[in-house]
Amino acid sequence: MQNSLIEIEHLTKKWGYRKILDDLSFQAKAGEVIVIMGENGAGKTTFFRILASLNSYSFGSIKIMDYSMPNEMQKVKSQIGFLFHETMLYNDLTVYENLWMFGKLYNIKVLKSRIEELISMLGLELYIYEAAKVLSKGLLQRLAFCRLLLHQPQIMIMDEPFSGLDIESRKIIQKLLLLAKAEGKVSILATHDFHNVASLGTRFDVLHKGKLTTGNPNNLNMFS
């Protein structure tokens, strides 16, 4: 039986008189790859940032791994890895230095071997001593995925993870999603490149004007 890792009820985010998220309920179980679709401005990034405990919300309840937000936010953060449009990497640090710094923040005990494992997994062996600022978009995104995976989170949140990537990088990320799925982790991502996730997604939800409904990538009329 699958375990529910995320339970959200009546989530509402207001900005002035406008509701960015409107009475949103959401559940995610172990092993799910959930694709959130929606036009620009639908509230996807706001929803993701709230899930990652980076933004506050107005009303509702959120439980992640049986921890309640915002009271147990620090425990929630240790269970989540996220990747947004900004990579959150330090441009002047090398690939290895970036991962070492983030690993220290997460207090990872076997950090050296964990970094080596991820660098091999993401195909970054030739770039260990390169500064982040000289990496291509694809390599930079791979490094950002290393950062996401570093502390072995149970929940991965990704906003347009395939944007601007080369074919090799896309294949690597697809394999990572498959691996996370097999390990019983939850992956939640927003993408306009449906062909990259068509065979990976276990559920396709649509966020439209702050309202979330379950659907599939063929239900394009849900955007109208």
N, C-alpha and C. Protein backbone atom coordinates (compact mmCIF):
# COMPACT_ATOMS: atom_id res chain seq x y z
N MET A 1 0.86 -1.20 0.00
CA MET A 1 0.00 0.00 0.00
C MET A 1 0.89 1.25 0.00
N GLN A 2 0.56 2.19 -0.84
CA GLN A 2 1.35 3.41 -0.95
C GLN A 2 1.11 4.32 0.24
N ASN A 3 2.16 4.97 0.67
CA ASN A 3 2.06 5.92 1.77
C ASN A 3 1.94 7.33 1.23
N SER A 4 1.10 8.13 1.88
CA SER A 4 0.94 9.52 1.48
C SER A 4 2.04 10.34 2.13
N LEU A 5 2.85 11.00 1.29
CA LEU A 5 3.95 11.81 1.79
C LEU A 5 3.57 13.29 1.89
N ILE A 6 2.58 13.71 1.11
CA ILE A 6 2.12 15.10 1.15
C ILE A 6 0.60 15.13 1.28
N GLU A 7 0.11 15.92 2.22
CA GLU A 7 -1.33 16.13 2.41
C GLU A 7 -1.58 17.63 2.53
N ILE A 8 -2.30 18.17 1.56
CA ILE A 8 -2.62 19.60 1.56
C ILE A 8 -4.13 19.77 1.48
N GLU A 9 -4.66 20.63 2.33
CA GLU A 9 -6.10 20.89 2.32
C GLU A 9 -6.36 22.39 2.34
N HIS A 10 -7.21 22.82 1.40
CA HIS A 10 -7.73 24.19 1.35
C HIS A 10 -6.63 25.25 1.33
N LEU A 11 -5.56 24.97 0.63
CA LEU A 11 -4.45 25.92 0.56
C LEU A 11 -4.86 27.16 -0.23
N THR A 12 -4.66 28.31 0.38
CA THR A 12 -5.00 29.59 -0.26
C THR A 12 -3.84 30.56 -0.06
N LYS A 13 -3.48 31.22 -1.14
CA LYS A 13 -2.45 32.25 -1.08
C LYS A 13 -3.04 33.51 -1.68
N LYS A 14 -3.10 34.56 -0.86
CA LYS A 14 -3.67 35.84 -1.32
C LYS A 14 -2.57 36.87 -1.48
N TRP A 15 -2.72 37.69 -2.52
CA TRP A 15 -1.86 38.84 -2.72
C TRP A 15 -2.77 40.05 -2.86
N GLY A 16 -2.92 40.77 -1.77
CA GLY A 16 -3.93 41.81 -1.76
C GLY A 16 -5.31 41.16 -1.83
N TYR A 17 -6.11 41.59 -2.80
CA TYR A 17 -7.44 41.01 -2.98
C TYR A 17 -7.42 39.83 -3.94
N ARG A 18 -6.30 39.56 -4.55
CA ARG A 18 -6.21 38.50 -5.55
C ARG A 18 -5.78 37.19 -4.90
N LYS A 19 -6.43 36.10 -5.29
CA LYS A 19 -6.06 34.76 -4.82
C LYS A 19 -5.13 34.11 -5.84
N ILE A 20 -3.86 33.94 -5.48
CA ILE A 20 -2.90 33.27 -6.36
C ILE A 20 -3.20 31.77 -6.37
N LEU A 21 -3.49 31.21 -5.19
CA LEU A 21 -3.95 29.83 -5.05
C LEU A 21 -5.28 29.87 -4.33
N ASP A 22 -6.24 29.14 -4.86
CA ASP A 22 -7.61 29.27 -4.38
C ASP A 22 -8.17 27.94 -3.89
N ASP A 23 -8.14 27.73 -2.56
CA ASP A 23 -8.75 26.55 -1.93
C ASP A 23 -8.22 25.26 -2.57
N LEU A 24 -6.92 25.15 -2.64
CA LEU A 24 -6.26 24.04 -3.34
C LEU A 24 -6.04 22.87 -2.40
N SER A 25 -6.46 21.68 -2.83
CA SER A 25 -6.19 20.45 -2.08
C SER A 25 -5.35 19.52 -2.95
N PHE A 26 -4.42 18.81 -2.32
CA PHE A 26 -3.41 18.07 -3.09
C PHE A 26 -2.88 16.94 -2.22
N GLN A 27 -2.66 15.80 -2.84
CA GLN A 27 -2.09 14.66 -2.13
C GLN A 27 -1.06 13.98 -3.02
N ALA A 28 0.03 13.53 -2.44
CA ALA A 28 1.06 12.82 -3.19
C ALA A 28 1.50 11.59 -2.42
N LYS A 29 1.55 10.46 -3.12
CA LYS A 29 1.92 9.19 -2.49
C LYS A 29 3.31 8.76 -2.93
N ALA A 30 3.89 7.87 -2.17
CA ALA A 30 5.23 7.36 -2.46
C ALA A 30 5.29 6.78 -3.87
N GLY A 31 6.35 7.15 -4.61
CA GLY A 31 6.55 6.62 -5.95
C GLY A 31 5.85 7.37 -7.06
N GLU A 32 5.16 8.45 -6.73
CA GLU A 32 4.46 9.21 -7.77
C GLU A 32 5.37 10.23 -8.45
N VAL A 33 5.15 10.38 -9.76
CA VAL A 33 5.75 11.47 -10.53
C VAL A 33 4.59 12.33 -11.01
N ILE A 34 4.41 13.47 -10.39
CA ILE A 34 3.24 14.30 -10.64
C ILE A 34 3.65 15.50 -11.49
N VAL A 35 3.00 15.64 -12.62
CA VAL A 35 3.27 16.74 -13.54
C VAL A 35 2.18 17.79 -13.37
N ILE A 36 2.58 19.01 -13.03
CA ILE A 36 1.64 20.13 -12.89
C ILE A 36 1.72 20.97 -14.15
N MET A 37 0.60 21.07 -14.84
CA MET A 37 0.54 21.85 -16.06
C MET A 37 -0.29 23.11 -15.83
N GLY A 38 0.02 24.13 -16.63
CA GLY A 38 -0.75 25.37 -16.52
C GLY A 38 -0.04 26.49 -17.24
N GLU A 39 -0.82 27.47 -17.66
CA GLU A 39 -0.25 28.61 -18.38
C GLU A 39 0.59 29.47 -17.44
N ASN A 40 1.39 30.33 -17.99
CA ASN A 40 2.17 31.26 -17.17
C ASN A 40 1.23 32.11 -16.32
N GLY A 41 1.57 32.26 -15.05
CA GLY A 41 0.73 33.04 -14.14
C GLY A 41 -0.37 32.24 -13.47
N ALA A 42 -0.39 30.91 -13.71
CA ALA A 42 -1.44 30.07 -13.13
C ALA A 42 -1.24 29.84 -11.63
N GLY A 43 -0.01 30.07 -11.14
CA GLY A 43 0.27 29.86 -9.72
C GLY A 43 1.22 28.71 -9.44
N LYS A 44 1.81 28.11 -10.50
CA LYS A 44 2.67 26.93 -10.33
C LYS A 44 3.89 27.25 -9.47
N THR A 45 4.60 28.33 -9.80
CA THR A 45 5.81 28.67 -9.06
C THR A 45 5.49 29.00 -7.61
N THR A 46 4.40 29.72 -7.38
CA THR A 46 3.98 30.03 -6.01
C THR A 46 3.69 28.75 -5.23
N PHE A 47 2.97 27.83 -5.85
CA PHE A 47 2.65 26.55 -5.22
C PHE A 47 3.93 25.79 -4.87
N PHE A 48 4.87 25.74 -5.81
CA PHE A 48 6.12 25.03 -5.59
C PHE A 48 6.94 25.67 -4.47
N ARG A 49 6.99 26.97 -4.45
CA ARG A 49 7.78 27.66 -3.42
C ARG A 49 7.17 27.49 -2.03
N ILE A 50 5.86 27.39 -1.95
CA ILE A 50 5.21 27.09 -0.67
C ILE A 50 5.55 25.67 -0.24
N LEU A 51 5.49 24.72 -1.19
CA LEU A 51 5.84 23.34 -0.89
C LEU A 51 7.27 23.22 -0.38
N ALA A 52 8.17 24.02 -0.97
CA ALA A 52 9.58 23.99 -0.58
C ALA A 52 9.85 24.80 0.68
N SER A 53 8.80 25.31 1.28
CA SER A 53 8.85 26.14 2.50
C SER A 53 9.65 27.42 2.31
N LEU A 54 9.61 27.95 1.09
CA LEU A 54 10.29 29.21 0.79
C LEU A 54 9.33 30.40 0.83
N ASN A 55 8.04 30.13 0.66
CA ASN A 55 7.02 31.18 0.70
C ASN A 55 5.96 30.84 1.75
N SER A 56 5.36 31.87 2.31
CA SER A 56 4.26 31.67 3.25
C SER A 56 2.95 31.52 2.49
N TYR A 57 1.90 31.16 3.21
CA TYR A 57 0.57 31.06 2.60
C TYR A 57 -0.45 31.66 3.54
N SER A 58 -1.65 31.92 3.02
CA SER A 58 -2.66 32.66 3.78
C SER A 58 -3.53 31.75 4.64
N PHE A 59 -4.02 30.67 4.05
CA PHE A 59 -4.91 29.75 4.76
C PHE A 59 -4.58 28.32 4.34
N GLY A 60 -5.14 27.37 5.09
CA GLY A 60 -5.02 25.97 4.73
C GLY A 60 -4.05 25.21 5.62
N SER A 61 -3.91 23.91 5.35
CA SER A 61 -3.01 23.07 6.12
C SER A 61 -2.11 22.26 5.18
N ILE A 62 -0.86 22.11 5.59
CA ILE A 62 0.12 21.34 4.81
C ILE A 62 0.84 20.38 5.75
N LYS A 63 0.82 19.09 5.39
CA LYS A 63 1.59 18.09 6.12
C LYS A 63 2.52 17.41 5.12
N ILE A 64 3.80 17.37 5.42
CA ILE A 64 4.79 16.72 4.57
C ILE A 64 5.56 15.73 5.43
N MET A 65 5.51 14.46 5.05
CA MET A 65 6.18 13.40 5.81
C MET A 65 5.72 13.43 7.27
N ASP A 66 4.43 13.70 7.48
CA ASP A 66 3.82 13.77 8.81
C ASP A 66 4.26 14.98 9.62
N TYR A 67 4.99 15.90 9.01
CA TYR A 67 5.37 17.14 9.68
C TYR A 67 4.42 18.26 9.23
N SER A 68 3.98 19.06 10.17
CA SER A 68 3.05 20.15 9.86
C SER A 68 3.80 21.44 9.61
N MET A 69 3.37 22.16 8.57
CA MET A 69 3.91 23.48 8.30
C MET A 69 2.93 24.53 8.82
N PRO A 70 3.47 25.68 9.26
CA PRO A 70 4.88 26.06 9.30
C PRO A 70 5.61 25.68 10.59
N ASN A 71 4.90 25.05 11.55
CA ASN A 71 5.49 24.81 12.87
C ASN A 71 6.73 23.92 12.82
N GLU A 72 6.76 22.95 11.90
CA GLU A 72 7.88 22.01 11.80
C GLU A 72 8.64 22.21 10.49
N MET A 73 8.80 23.47 10.12
CA MET A 73 9.37 23.81 8.82
C MET A 73 10.80 23.28 8.64
N GLN A 74 11.61 23.33 9.67
CA GLN A 74 13.00 22.87 9.56
C GLN A 74 13.06 21.38 9.27
N LYS A 75 12.16 20.61 9.86
CA LYS A 75 12.11 19.17 9.59
C LYS A 75 11.62 18.91 8.17
N VAL A 76 10.70 19.75 7.70
CA VAL A 76 10.20 19.63 6.33
C VAL A 76 11.32 19.89 5.33
N LYS A 77 12.12 20.92 5.57
CA LYS A 77 13.19 21.29 4.65
C LYS A 77 14.19 20.16 4.44
N SER A 78 14.42 19.37 5.47
CA SER A 78 15.38 18.27 5.35
C SER A 78 14.87 17.14 4.46
N GLN A 79 13.57 17.14 4.17
CA GLN A 79 12.97 16.08 3.35
C GLN A 79 12.77 16.50 1.90
N ILE A 80 13.07 17.76 1.58
CA ILE A 80 12.72 18.30 0.27
C ILE A 80 13.97 18.76 -0.48
N GLY A 81 14.01 18.43 -1.77
CA GLY A 81 14.99 19.00 -2.69
C GLY A 81 14.24 19.76 -3.76
N PHE A 82 14.75 20.92 -4.16
CA PHE A 82 14.00 21.71 -5.14
C PHE A 82 14.92 22.31 -6.19
N LEU A 83 14.33 22.53 -7.36
CA LEU A 83 15.05 23.10 -8.49
C LEU A 83 14.11 24.08 -9.18
N PHE A 84 14.45 25.37 -9.11
CA PHE A 84 13.64 26.40 -9.75
C PHE A 84 14.43 27.02 -10.89
N HIS A 85 13.93 28.10 -11.45
CA HIS A 85 14.60 28.75 -12.59
C HIS A 85 15.99 29.23 -12.18
N GLU A 86 16.12 29.73 -10.96
CA GLU A 86 17.44 30.08 -10.46
C GLU A 86 18.08 28.82 -9.88
N THR A 87 19.33 28.55 -10.25
CA THR A 87 19.97 27.31 -9.82
C THR A 87 20.39 27.33 -8.36
N MET A 88 20.53 28.53 -7.78
CA MET A 88 20.97 28.71 -6.39
C MET A 88 22.41 28.25 -6.20
N LEU A 89 23.18 28.20 -7.30
CA LEU A 89 24.59 27.84 -7.23
C LEU A 89 25.44 29.10 -7.14
N TYR A 90 26.66 28.95 -6.70
CA TYR A 90 27.59 30.06 -6.59
C TYR A 90 28.52 30.06 -7.80
N ASN A 91 28.40 31.09 -8.62
CA ASN A 91 29.09 31.13 -9.91
C ASN A 91 30.60 31.01 -9.82
N ASP A 92 31.19 31.61 -8.79
CA ASP A 92 32.65 31.63 -8.69
C ASP A 92 33.23 30.38 -8.04
N LEU A 93 32.38 29.53 -7.50
CA LEU A 93 32.85 28.28 -6.91
C LEU A 93 32.87 27.18 -7.96
N THR A 94 33.77 26.21 -7.79
CA THR A 94 33.82 25.08 -8.72
C THR A 94 32.66 24.13 -8.47
N VAL A 95 32.51 23.17 -9.35
CA VAL A 95 31.49 22.13 -9.20
C VAL A 95 31.62 21.47 -7.83
N TYR A 96 32.84 21.05 -7.51
CA TYR A 96 33.07 20.36 -6.24
C TYR A 96 32.83 21.28 -5.05
N GLU A 97 33.30 22.51 -5.14
CA GLU A 97 33.14 23.46 -4.03
C GLU A 97 31.68 23.78 -3.76
N ASN A 98 30.88 23.90 -4.82
CA ASN A 98 29.45 24.14 -4.64
C ASN A 98 28.81 23.01 -3.85
N LEU A 99 29.09 21.77 -4.25
CA LEU A 99 28.47 20.63 -3.59
C LEU A 99 28.99 20.46 -2.17
N TRP A 100 30.26 20.74 -1.95
CA TRP A 100 30.82 20.65 -0.61
C TRP A 100 30.14 21.65 0.33
N MET A 101 29.94 22.87 -0.15
CA MET A 101 29.32 23.89 0.67
C MET A 101 27.89 23.52 1.04
N PHE A 102 27.10 23.08 0.04
CA PHE A 102 25.72 22.70 0.33
C PHE A 102 25.66 21.46 1.21
N GLY A 103 26.61 20.55 1.01
CA GLY A 103 26.65 19.35 1.84
C GLY A 103 26.91 19.68 3.29
N LYS A 104 27.77 20.67 3.55
CA LYS A 104 28.03 21.10 4.92
C LYS A 104 26.79 21.73 5.55
N LEU A 105 26.03 22.45 4.73
CA LEU A 105 24.79 23.06 5.24
C LEU A 105 23.79 21.98 5.68
N TYR A 106 23.78 20.87 4.95
CA TYR A 106 22.88 19.76 5.29
C TYR A 106 23.51 18.79 6.30
N ASN A 107 24.73 19.08 6.70
CA ASN A 107 25.41 18.26 7.69
C ASN A 107 25.51 16.79 7.27
N ILE A 108 25.89 16.58 6.00
CA ILE A 108 26.02 15.22 5.47
C ILE A 108 27.32 14.62 5.98
N LYS A 109 27.21 13.45 6.58
CA LYS A 109 28.37 12.85 7.25
C LYS A 109 29.41 12.31 6.26
N VAL A 110 28.96 11.56 5.26
CA VAL A 110 29.90 10.96 4.29
C VAL A 110 29.89 11.81 3.02
N LEU A 111 30.24 13.06 3.17
CA LEU A 111 30.05 14.05 2.10
C LEU A 111 30.92 13.76 0.87
N LYS A 112 32.19 13.43 1.09
CA LYS A 112 33.11 13.23 -0.04
C LYS A 112 32.61 12.12 -0.97
N SER A 113 32.23 10.99 -0.40
CA SER A 113 31.76 9.88 -1.22
C SER A 113 30.42 10.18 -1.86
N ARG A 114 29.57 10.95 -1.17
CA ARG A 114 28.28 11.33 -1.73
C ARG A 114 28.47 12.25 -2.94
N ILE A 115 29.39 13.22 -2.83
CA ILE A 115 29.67 14.12 -3.95
C ILE A 115 30.22 13.33 -5.13
N GLU A 116 31.14 12.42 -4.88
CA GLU A 116 31.72 11.61 -5.95
C GLU A 116 30.66 10.76 -6.64
N GLU A 117 29.74 10.22 -5.85
CA GLU A 117 28.65 9.41 -6.40
C GLU A 117 27.77 10.24 -7.34
N LEU A 118 27.41 11.44 -6.92
CA LEU A 118 26.55 12.29 -7.72
C LEU A 118 27.25 12.82 -8.97
N ILE A 119 28.50 13.18 -8.83
CA ILE A 119 29.26 13.67 -9.98
C ILE A 119 29.34 12.59 -11.06
N SER A 120 29.53 11.35 -10.63
CA SER A 120 29.56 10.23 -11.57
C SER A 120 28.17 10.00 -12.18
N MET A 121 27.15 10.05 -11.35
CA MET A 121 25.78 9.81 -11.80
C MET A 121 25.32 10.83 -12.83
N LEU A 122 25.75 12.09 -12.65
CA LEU A 122 25.34 13.17 -13.53
C LEU A 122 26.36 13.46 -14.64
N GLY A 123 27.40 12.66 -14.73
CA GLY A 123 28.38 12.82 -15.81
C GLY A 123 29.16 14.11 -15.76
N LEU A 124 29.59 14.50 -14.55
CA LEU A 124 30.32 15.76 -14.38
C LEU A 124 31.79 15.54 -14.03
N GLU A 125 32.31 14.34 -14.25
CA GLU A 125 33.68 14.02 -13.83
C GLU A 125 34.72 14.96 -14.44
N LEU A 126 34.50 15.38 -15.67
CA LEU A 126 35.49 16.22 -16.36
C LEU A 126 35.42 17.69 -15.95
N TYR A 127 34.44 18.03 -15.11
CA TYR A 127 34.20 19.44 -14.79
C TYR A 127 34.32 19.75 -13.31
N ILE A 128 34.88 18.82 -12.54
CA ILE A 128 34.93 18.97 -11.09
C ILE A 128 35.55 20.30 -10.66
N TYR A 129 36.61 20.72 -11.34
CA TYR A 129 37.34 21.92 -10.93
C TYR A 129 37.01 23.13 -11.78
N GLU A 130 35.93 23.04 -12.56
CA GLU A 130 35.47 24.18 -13.36
C GLU A 130 34.52 25.04 -12.52
N ALA A 131 34.65 26.34 -12.66
CA ALA A 131 33.72 27.25 -11.97
C ALA A 131 32.34 27.13 -12.59
N ALA A 132 31.32 27.26 -11.77
CA ALA A 132 29.95 27.13 -12.25
C ALA A 132 29.64 28.11 -13.38
N LYS A 133 30.26 29.30 -13.32
CA LYS A 133 29.94 30.34 -14.30
C LYS A 133 30.39 30.01 -15.71
N VAL A 134 31.28 29.03 -15.91
CA VAL A 134 31.74 28.70 -17.25
C VAL A 134 31.02 27.48 -17.82
N LEU A 135 30.13 26.88 -17.05
CA LEU A 135 29.42 25.69 -17.51
C LEU A 135 28.30 26.05 -18.48
N SER A 136 28.03 25.14 -19.40
CA SER A 136 26.90 25.32 -20.32
C SER A 136 25.60 25.17 -19.54
N LYS A 137 24.49 25.53 -20.18
CA LYS A 137 23.18 25.41 -19.54
C LYS A 137 22.91 23.98 -19.09
N GLY A 138 23.22 23.02 -19.96
CA GLY A 138 22.98 21.62 -19.62
C GLY A 138 23.80 21.15 -18.44
N LEU A 139 25.10 21.52 -18.43
CA LEU A 139 25.98 21.12 -17.34
C LEU A 139 25.60 21.81 -16.03
N LEU A 140 25.19 23.07 -16.14
CA LEU A 140 24.77 23.81 -14.95
C LEU A 140 23.52 23.18 -14.34
N GLN A 141 22.60 22.74 -15.21
CA GLN A 141 21.39 22.09 -14.72
C GLN A 141 21.72 20.75 -14.06
N ARG A 142 22.70 20.04 -14.61
CA ARG A 142 23.13 18.78 -14.00
C ARG A 142 23.71 19.03 -12.60
N LEU A 143 24.49 20.10 -12.48
CA LEU A 143 25.05 20.45 -11.18
C LEU A 143 23.94 20.83 -10.21
N ALA A 144 22.93 21.54 -10.70
CA ALA A 144 21.79 21.90 -9.85
C ALA A 144 21.06 20.65 -9.37
N PHE A 145 21.00 19.62 -10.23
CA PHE A 145 20.38 18.36 -9.82
C PHE A 145 21.23 17.66 -8.76
N CYS A 146 22.54 17.77 -8.87
CA CYS A 146 23.41 17.24 -7.81
C CYS A 146 23.08 17.90 -6.48
N ARG A 147 22.91 19.23 -6.52
CA ARG A 147 22.55 19.96 -5.30
C ARG A 147 21.21 19.48 -4.76
N LEU A 148 20.24 19.27 -5.66
CA LEU A 148 18.92 18.81 -5.26
C LEU A 148 18.99 17.45 -4.57
N LEU A 149 19.81 16.55 -5.11
CA LEU A 149 19.86 15.17 -4.63
C LEU A 149 20.81 14.96 -3.47
N LEU A 150 21.63 15.93 -3.17
CA LEU A 150 22.75 15.78 -2.25
C LEU A 150 22.35 15.16 -0.91
N HIS A 151 21.28 15.64 -0.30
CA HIS A 151 20.87 15.17 1.02
C HIS A 151 19.81 14.07 0.96
N GLN A 152 19.66 13.47 -0.24
CA GLN A 152 18.74 12.34 -0.46
C GLN A 152 17.32 12.64 0.01
N PRO A 153 16.71 13.69 -0.56
CA PRO A 153 15.35 14.07 -0.15
C PRO A 153 14.32 13.05 -0.59
N GLN A 154 13.24 12.96 0.15
CA GLN A 154 12.14 12.08 -0.21
C GLN A 154 11.19 12.74 -1.21
N ILE A 155 11.24 14.06 -1.29
CA ILE A 155 10.35 14.81 -2.17
C ILE A 155 11.19 15.76 -3.02
N MET A 156 10.99 15.68 -4.35
CA MET A 156 11.72 16.53 -5.28
C MET A 156 10.74 17.43 -6.01
N ILE A 157 11.01 18.74 -5.99
CA ILE A 157 10.14 19.73 -6.62
C ILE A 157 10.94 20.44 -7.70
N MET A 158 10.42 20.43 -8.94
CA MET A 158 11.19 20.95 -10.08
C MET A 158 10.31 21.81 -10.97
N ASP A 159 10.77 23.03 -11.22
CA ASP A 159 10.04 23.96 -12.09
C ASP A 159 10.77 24.03 -13.43
N GLU A 160 10.18 23.48 -14.46
CA GLU A 160 10.75 23.44 -15.82
C GLU A 160 12.18 22.86 -15.82
N PRO A 161 12.36 21.64 -15.35
CA PRO A 161 13.71 21.07 -15.27
C PRO A 161 14.35 20.77 -16.61
N PHE A 162 13.55 20.66 -17.70
CA PHE A 162 14.10 20.31 -19.01
C PHE A 162 14.36 21.53 -19.89
N SER A 163 14.07 22.71 -19.38
CA SER A 163 14.16 23.92 -20.20
C SER A 163 15.60 24.16 -20.67
N GLY A 164 15.79 24.25 -22.00
CA GLY A 164 17.07 24.59 -22.59
C GLY A 164 18.13 23.53 -22.51
N LEU A 165 17.76 22.28 -22.20
CA LEU A 165 18.75 21.23 -22.03
C LEU A 165 19.06 20.51 -23.34
N ASP A 166 20.29 20.00 -23.44
CA ASP A 166 20.67 19.17 -24.57
C ASP A 166 20.11 17.77 -24.38
N ILE A 167 20.14 16.96 -25.43
CA ILE A 167 19.54 15.63 -25.40
C ILE A 167 20.14 14.76 -24.31
N GLU A 168 21.47 14.78 -24.19
CA GLU A 168 22.14 13.94 -23.18
C GLU A 168 21.70 14.30 -21.77
N SER A 169 21.61 15.60 -21.48
CA SER A 169 21.20 16.04 -20.15
C SER A 169 19.75 15.66 -19.87
N ARG A 170 18.90 15.74 -20.89
CA ARG A 170 17.50 15.36 -20.71
C ARG A 170 17.38 13.88 -20.37
N LYS A 171 18.17 13.05 -21.05
CA LYS A 171 18.13 11.61 -20.79
C LYS A 171 18.59 11.30 -19.37
N ILE A 172 19.62 12.00 -18.91
CA ILE A 172 20.12 11.78 -17.55
C ILE A 172 19.05 12.13 -16.52
N ILE A 173 18.37 13.25 -16.72
CA ILE A 173 17.35 13.68 -15.78
C ILE A 173 16.15 12.73 -15.80
N GLN A 174 15.79 12.24 -16.99
CA GLN A 174 14.71 11.26 -17.08
C GLN A 174 15.05 10.00 -16.31
N LYS A 175 16.31 9.55 -16.40
CA LYS A 175 16.74 8.37 -15.65
C LYS A 175 16.68 8.62 -14.15
N LEU A 176 17.03 9.82 -13.74
CA LEU A 176 16.97 10.16 -12.32
C LEU A 176 15.53 10.12 -11.80
N LEU A 177 14.60 10.60 -12.62
CA LEU A 177 13.18 10.55 -12.23
C LEU A 177 12.68 9.12 -12.12
N LEU A 178 13.12 8.27 -13.04
CA LEU A 178 12.76 6.85 -12.97
C LEU A 178 13.32 6.20 -11.72
N LEU A 179 14.57 6.54 -11.38
CA LEU A 179 15.19 5.99 -10.19
C LEU A 179 14.45 6.44 -8.93
N ALA A 180 14.11 7.73 -8.87
CA ALA A 180 13.38 8.25 -7.72
C ALA A 180 12.02 7.57 -7.58
N LYS A 181 11.39 7.33 -8.70
CA LYS A 181 10.09 6.64 -8.72
C LYS A 181 10.22 5.24 -8.15
N ALA A 182 11.26 4.51 -8.59
CA ALA A 182 11.50 3.15 -8.12
C ALA A 182 11.84 3.10 -6.64
N GLU A 183 12.45 4.18 -6.13
CA GLU A 183 12.84 4.24 -4.71
C GLU A 183 11.71 4.71 -3.81
N GLY A 184 10.54 4.98 -4.39
CA GLY A 184 9.39 5.39 -3.60
C GLY A 184 9.39 6.85 -3.21
N LYS A 185 10.17 7.65 -3.92
CA LYS A 185 10.17 9.08 -3.65
C LYS A 185 9.08 9.78 -4.46
N VAL A 186 8.78 11.00 -4.10
CA VAL A 186 7.78 11.80 -4.82
C VAL A 186 8.50 12.85 -5.66
N SER A 187 8.16 12.91 -6.94
CA SER A 187 8.67 13.96 -7.82
C SER A 187 7.49 14.79 -8.30
N ILE A 188 7.60 16.11 -8.13
CA ILE A 188 6.55 17.03 -8.59
C ILE A 188 7.22 18.04 -9.50
N LEU A 189 6.74 18.15 -10.73
CA LEU A 189 7.40 19.05 -11.66
C LEU A 189 6.40 19.77 -12.57
N ALA A 190 6.81 20.94 -12.98
CA ALA A 190 6.06 21.70 -13.97
C ALA A 190 6.88 21.72 -15.24
N THR A 191 6.25 21.45 -16.37
CA THR A 191 6.95 21.48 -17.64
C THR A 191 5.97 21.72 -18.78
N HIS A 192 6.46 22.39 -19.83
CA HIS A 192 5.68 22.53 -21.05
C HIS A 192 6.12 21.49 -22.08
N ASP A 193 7.20 20.78 -21.77
CA ASP A 193 7.73 19.76 -22.69
C ASP A 193 7.13 18.40 -22.31
N PHE A 194 5.88 18.18 -22.67
CA PHE A 194 5.16 16.99 -22.24
C PHE A 194 5.82 15.70 -22.71
N HIS A 195 6.50 15.74 -23.88
CA HIS A 195 7.09 14.51 -24.40
C HIS A 195 8.21 14.00 -23.50
N ASN A 196 8.80 14.87 -22.69
CA ASN A 196 9.87 14.45 -21.78
C ASN A 196 9.35 13.67 -20.59
N VAL A 197 8.08 13.82 -20.27
CA VAL A 197 7.53 13.18 -19.07
C VAL A 197 6.32 12.31 -19.36
N ALA A 198 5.93 12.20 -20.62
CA ALA A 198 4.72 11.46 -20.97
C ALA A 198 4.76 10.02 -20.46
N SER A 199 5.94 9.40 -20.54
CA SER A 199 6.06 8.01 -20.12
C SER A 199 6.46 7.87 -18.65
N LEU A 200 6.78 8.99 -18.00
CA LEU A 200 7.25 8.97 -16.62
C LEU A 200 6.16 9.33 -15.63
N GLY A 201 5.29 10.23 -16.03
CA GLY A 201 4.28 10.76 -15.10
C GLY A 201 3.29 9.71 -14.67
N THR A 202 2.98 9.68 -13.40
CA THR A 202 1.93 8.82 -12.88
C THR A 202 0.62 9.59 -12.75
N ARG A 203 0.72 10.92 -12.80
CA ARG A 203 -0.46 11.76 -12.69
C ARG A 203 -0.18 13.10 -13.34
N PHE A 204 -1.19 13.65 -14.03
CA PHE A 204 -1.05 14.95 -14.68
C PHE A 204 -2.17 15.86 -14.18
N ASP A 205 -1.78 16.88 -13.40
CA ASP A 205 -2.75 17.82 -12.85
C ASP A 205 -2.64 19.15 -13.59
N VAL A 206 -3.73 19.87 -13.59
CA VAL A 206 -3.76 21.18 -14.25
C VAL A 206 -4.06 22.27 -13.21
N LEU A 207 -3.22 23.28 -13.18
CA LEU A 207 -3.44 24.44 -12.33
C LEU A 207 -3.87 25.60 -13.22
N HIS A 208 -5.07 26.10 -12.96
CA HIS A 208 -5.64 27.16 -13.80
C HIS A 208 -6.29 28.19 -12.91
N LYS A 209 -5.77 29.43 -12.95
CA LYS A 209 -6.30 30.53 -12.14
C LYS A 209 -6.38 30.15 -10.67
N GLY A 210 -5.33 29.47 -10.19
CA GLY A 210 -5.25 29.13 -8.77
C GLY A 210 -6.01 27.90 -8.35
N LYS A 211 -6.74 27.27 -9.29
CA LYS A 211 -7.52 26.06 -8.99
C LYS A 211 -6.80 24.85 -9.57
N LEU A 212 -6.74 23.76 -8.80
CA LEU A 212 -6.05 22.55 -9.24
C LEU A 212 -7.05 21.44 -9.53
N THR A 213 -6.92 20.84 -10.72
CA THR A 213 -7.75 19.70 -11.10
C THR A 213 -6.87 18.61 -11.67
N THR A 214 -7.32 17.36 -11.50
CA THR A 214 -6.58 16.23 -12.04
C THR A 214 -6.98 16.03 -13.49
N GLY A 215 -5.99 15.79 -14.35
CA GLY A 215 -6.28 15.61 -15.78
C GLY A 215 -5.17 14.85 -16.46
N ASN A 216 -5.03 15.02 -17.75
CA ASN A 216 -3.94 14.41 -18.51
C ASN A 216 -3.50 15.39 -19.58
N PRO A 217 -2.34 15.17 -20.20
CA PRO A 217 -1.80 16.16 -21.13
C PRO A 217 -2.61 16.41 -22.38
N ASN A 218 -3.63 15.57 -22.64
CA ASN A 218 -4.48 15.77 -23.81
C ASN A 218 -5.65 16.70 -23.53
N ASN A 219 -5.89 16.99 -22.27
CA ASN A 219 -7.04 17.83 -21.91
C ASN A 219 -6.69 19.31 -22.05
N LEU A 220 -6.27 19.71 -23.22
CA LEU A 220 -5.84 21.10 -23.43
C LEU A 220 -6.98 22.08 -23.27
N ASN A 221 -8.24 21.60 -23.41
CA ASN A 221 -9.37 22.50 -23.25
C ASN A 221 -9.50 23.00 -21.81
N MET A 222 -8.78 22.35 -20.87
CA MET A 222 -8.82 22.79 -19.48
C MET A 222 -8.13 24.11 -19.29
N PHE A 223 -7.31 24.53 -20.30
CA PHE A 223 -6.60 25.80 -20.20
C PHE A 223 -7.47 26.97 -20.67
N SER A 224 -8.56 26.67 -21.35
CA SER A 224 -9.39 27.74 -21.92
C SER A 224 -10.38 28.30 -20.93
